Amino acid sequence: MFRGADLLSSTARQIQLYRALGLSPPRFAHVGLVVSPEGARLAKREGPLSVSQLRSLGVEPARIVGLLGKWAGIHDGRPTSAADLVSSFALHRLPCEPVRTTEEQVRAHLDLATM
């Protein structure tokens, strides 16, 4: 199970809960979050550029997927599909540390300066 690194501290308690319920806990992998330059977690409904805002600006999904692949360390950032990222996926390539970004960097990568 992939989870954000912000959940690492609660993992031991959750494993104990699984076991108390007689269940086998899943294997957890914690990956770095995308954060602001100050280190604040960027949530899907927060931040300067939400997915819905990107859609309204006409950003193609393949461009967003490419950026996410770049942040994950498994792609060069060019537009791509999620299915295409599967072939380059490797757990050891995922970042453990936060991925820091700014709205300006996202806009530049997605060519939003002209939008």
Protein backbone atom coordinates (compact mmCIF):
# COMPACT_ATOMS: atom_id res chain seq x y z
CA MET A 1 0.00 0.00 0.00
CA PHE A 2 1.48 3.34 -1.05
CA ARG A 3 0.95 6.23 1.31
CA GLY A 4 2.33 9.65 1.88
CA ALA A 5 5.32 9.99 4.17
CA ASP A 6 3.14 12.10 6.48
CA LEU A 7 1.41 8.84 7.55
CA LEU A 8 4.62 7.06 8.55
CA SER A 9 4.26 7.94 12.23
CA SER A 10 0.82 6.27 12.46
CA THR A 11 1.85 3.04 10.70
CA ALA A 12 2.81 1.06 13.82
CA ARG A 13 -0.56 1.81 15.45
CA GLN A 14 -2.40 0.81 12.30
CA ILE A 15 -0.47 -2.47 12.07
CA GLN A 16 -1.41 -3.20 15.69
CA LEU A 17 -5.04 -2.51 14.87
CA TYR A 18 -4.97 -4.90 11.90
CA ARG A 19 -3.50 -7.61 14.12
CA ALA A 20 -5.98 -6.93 16.94
CA LEU A 21 -8.77 -7.49 14.43
CA GLY A 22 -7.19 -10.76 13.30
CA LEU A 23 -6.23 -9.32 9.90
CA SER A 24 -2.94 -9.43 8.07
CA PRO A 25 -1.62 -5.91 7.67
CA PRO A 26 -0.63 -4.81 4.18
CA ARG A 27 2.94 -3.94 3.31
CA PHE A 28 3.31 -0.19 3.47
CA ALA A 29 5.52 2.02 1.32
CA HIS A 30 5.72 5.69 2.23
CA VAL A 31 6.62 8.23 -0.44
CA GLY A 32 7.44 11.90 -0.31
CA LEU A 33 4.64 14.40 -0.69
CA VAL A 34 4.47 17.31 -3.08
CA VAL A 35 4.91 20.38 -0.91
CA SER A 36 5.27 24.14 -1.16
CA PRO A 37 8.70 25.76 -0.86
CA GLU A 38 7.91 26.23 2.84
CA GLY A 39 7.18 22.52 3.23
CA ALA A 40 3.38 22.80 3.48
CA ARG A 41 1.56 19.77 2.09
CA LEU A 42 -0.29 20.46 -1.15
CA ALA A 43 -3.71 18.86 -0.94
CA LYS A 44 -5.89 18.01 -3.92
CA ARG A 45 -8.37 20.73 -2.95
CA GLU A 46 -5.84 23.31 -1.81
CA GLY A 47 -3.07 25.27 -3.33
CA PRO A 48 -2.84 27.67 -6.18
CA LEU A 49 -3.52 25.20 -8.99
CA SER A 50 -6.05 22.46 -8.40
CA VAL A 51 -6.78 19.74 -10.95
CA SER A 52 -10.16 21.33 -11.64
CA GLN A 53 -8.47 24.68 -12.29
CA LEU A 54 -5.98 23.00 -14.63
CA ARG A 55 -8.89 21.37 -16.49
CA SER A 56 -10.67 24.71 -16.82
CA LEU A 57 -7.45 26.15 -18.29
CA GLY A 58 -7.51 23.39 -20.92
CA VAL A 59 -4.46 21.48 -19.67
CA GLU A 60 -4.46 18.02 -21.19
CA PRO A 61 -4.39 15.13 -18.68
CA ALA A 62 -1.26 13.70 -20.34
CA ARG A 63 0.65 16.86 -19.40
CA ILE A 64 -0.36 16.54 -15.75
CA VAL A 65 0.48 12.82 -15.71
CA GLY A 66 3.88 13.60 -17.21
CA LEU A 67 4.58 16.15 -14.47
CA LEU A 68 3.51 13.68 -11.78
CA GLY A 69 5.79 11.06 -13.34
CA LYS A 70 8.68 13.53 -13.21
CA TRP A 71 8.03 14.29 -9.54
CA ALA A 72 7.91 10.54 -8.85
CA GLY A 73 11.31 10.07 -10.49
CA ILE A 74 10.02 7.63 -13.11
CA HIS A 75 9.57 9.88 -16.15
CA ASP A 76 11.14 12.86 -17.88
CA GLY A 77 8.04 15.03 -17.57
CA ARG A 78 6.85 14.92 -21.19
CA PRO A 79 3.11 14.34 -21.72
CA THR A 80 2.24 10.67 -21.22
CA SER A 81 -0.50 8.35 -19.99
CA ALA A 82 -0.66 6.64 -16.63
CA ALA A 83 -0.51 3.30 -18.45
CA ASP A 84 2.80 4.31 -20.06
CA LEU A 85 4.29 5.08 -16.64
CA VAL A 86 3.72 1.51 -15.48
CA SER A 87 6.59 0.17 -17.58
CA SER A 88 9.07 2.57 -15.98
CA PHE A 89 7.79 2.16 -12.42
CA ALA A 90 10.32 1.09 -9.81
CA LEU A 91 9.68 1.43 -6.10
CA HIS A 92 13.28 2.38 -5.37
CA ARG A 93 12.99 5.38 -7.71
CA LEU A 94 10.14 6.99 -5.80
CA PRO A 95 11.19 9.92 -3.62
CA CYS A 96 11.27 9.45 0.13
CA GLU A 97 11.82 13.15 0.70
CA PRO A 98 9.22 15.81 -0.11
CA VAL A 99 9.09 17.16 -3.65
CA ARG A 100 9.17 20.93 -3.33
CA THR A 101 7.56 22.99 -6.05
CA THR A 102 6.14 26.42 -6.69
CA GLU A 103 3.16 27.57 -8.69
CA GLU A 104 5.61 29.21 -11.09
CA GLN A 105 7.40 25.89 -11.68
CA VAL A 106 4.12 24.09 -12.33
CA ARG A 107 2.94 26.85 -14.66
CA ALA A 108 6.25 26.77 -16.55
CA HIS A 109 6.20 22.98 -16.92
CA LEU A 110 2.62 22.97 -18.15
CA ASP A 111 3.16 26.03 -20.39
CA LEU A 112 0.55 28.01 -18.50
CA ALA A 113 2.44 31.28 -18.77
CA THR A 114 0.59 31.94 -22.02
CA MET A 115 -2.83 30.94 -20.66
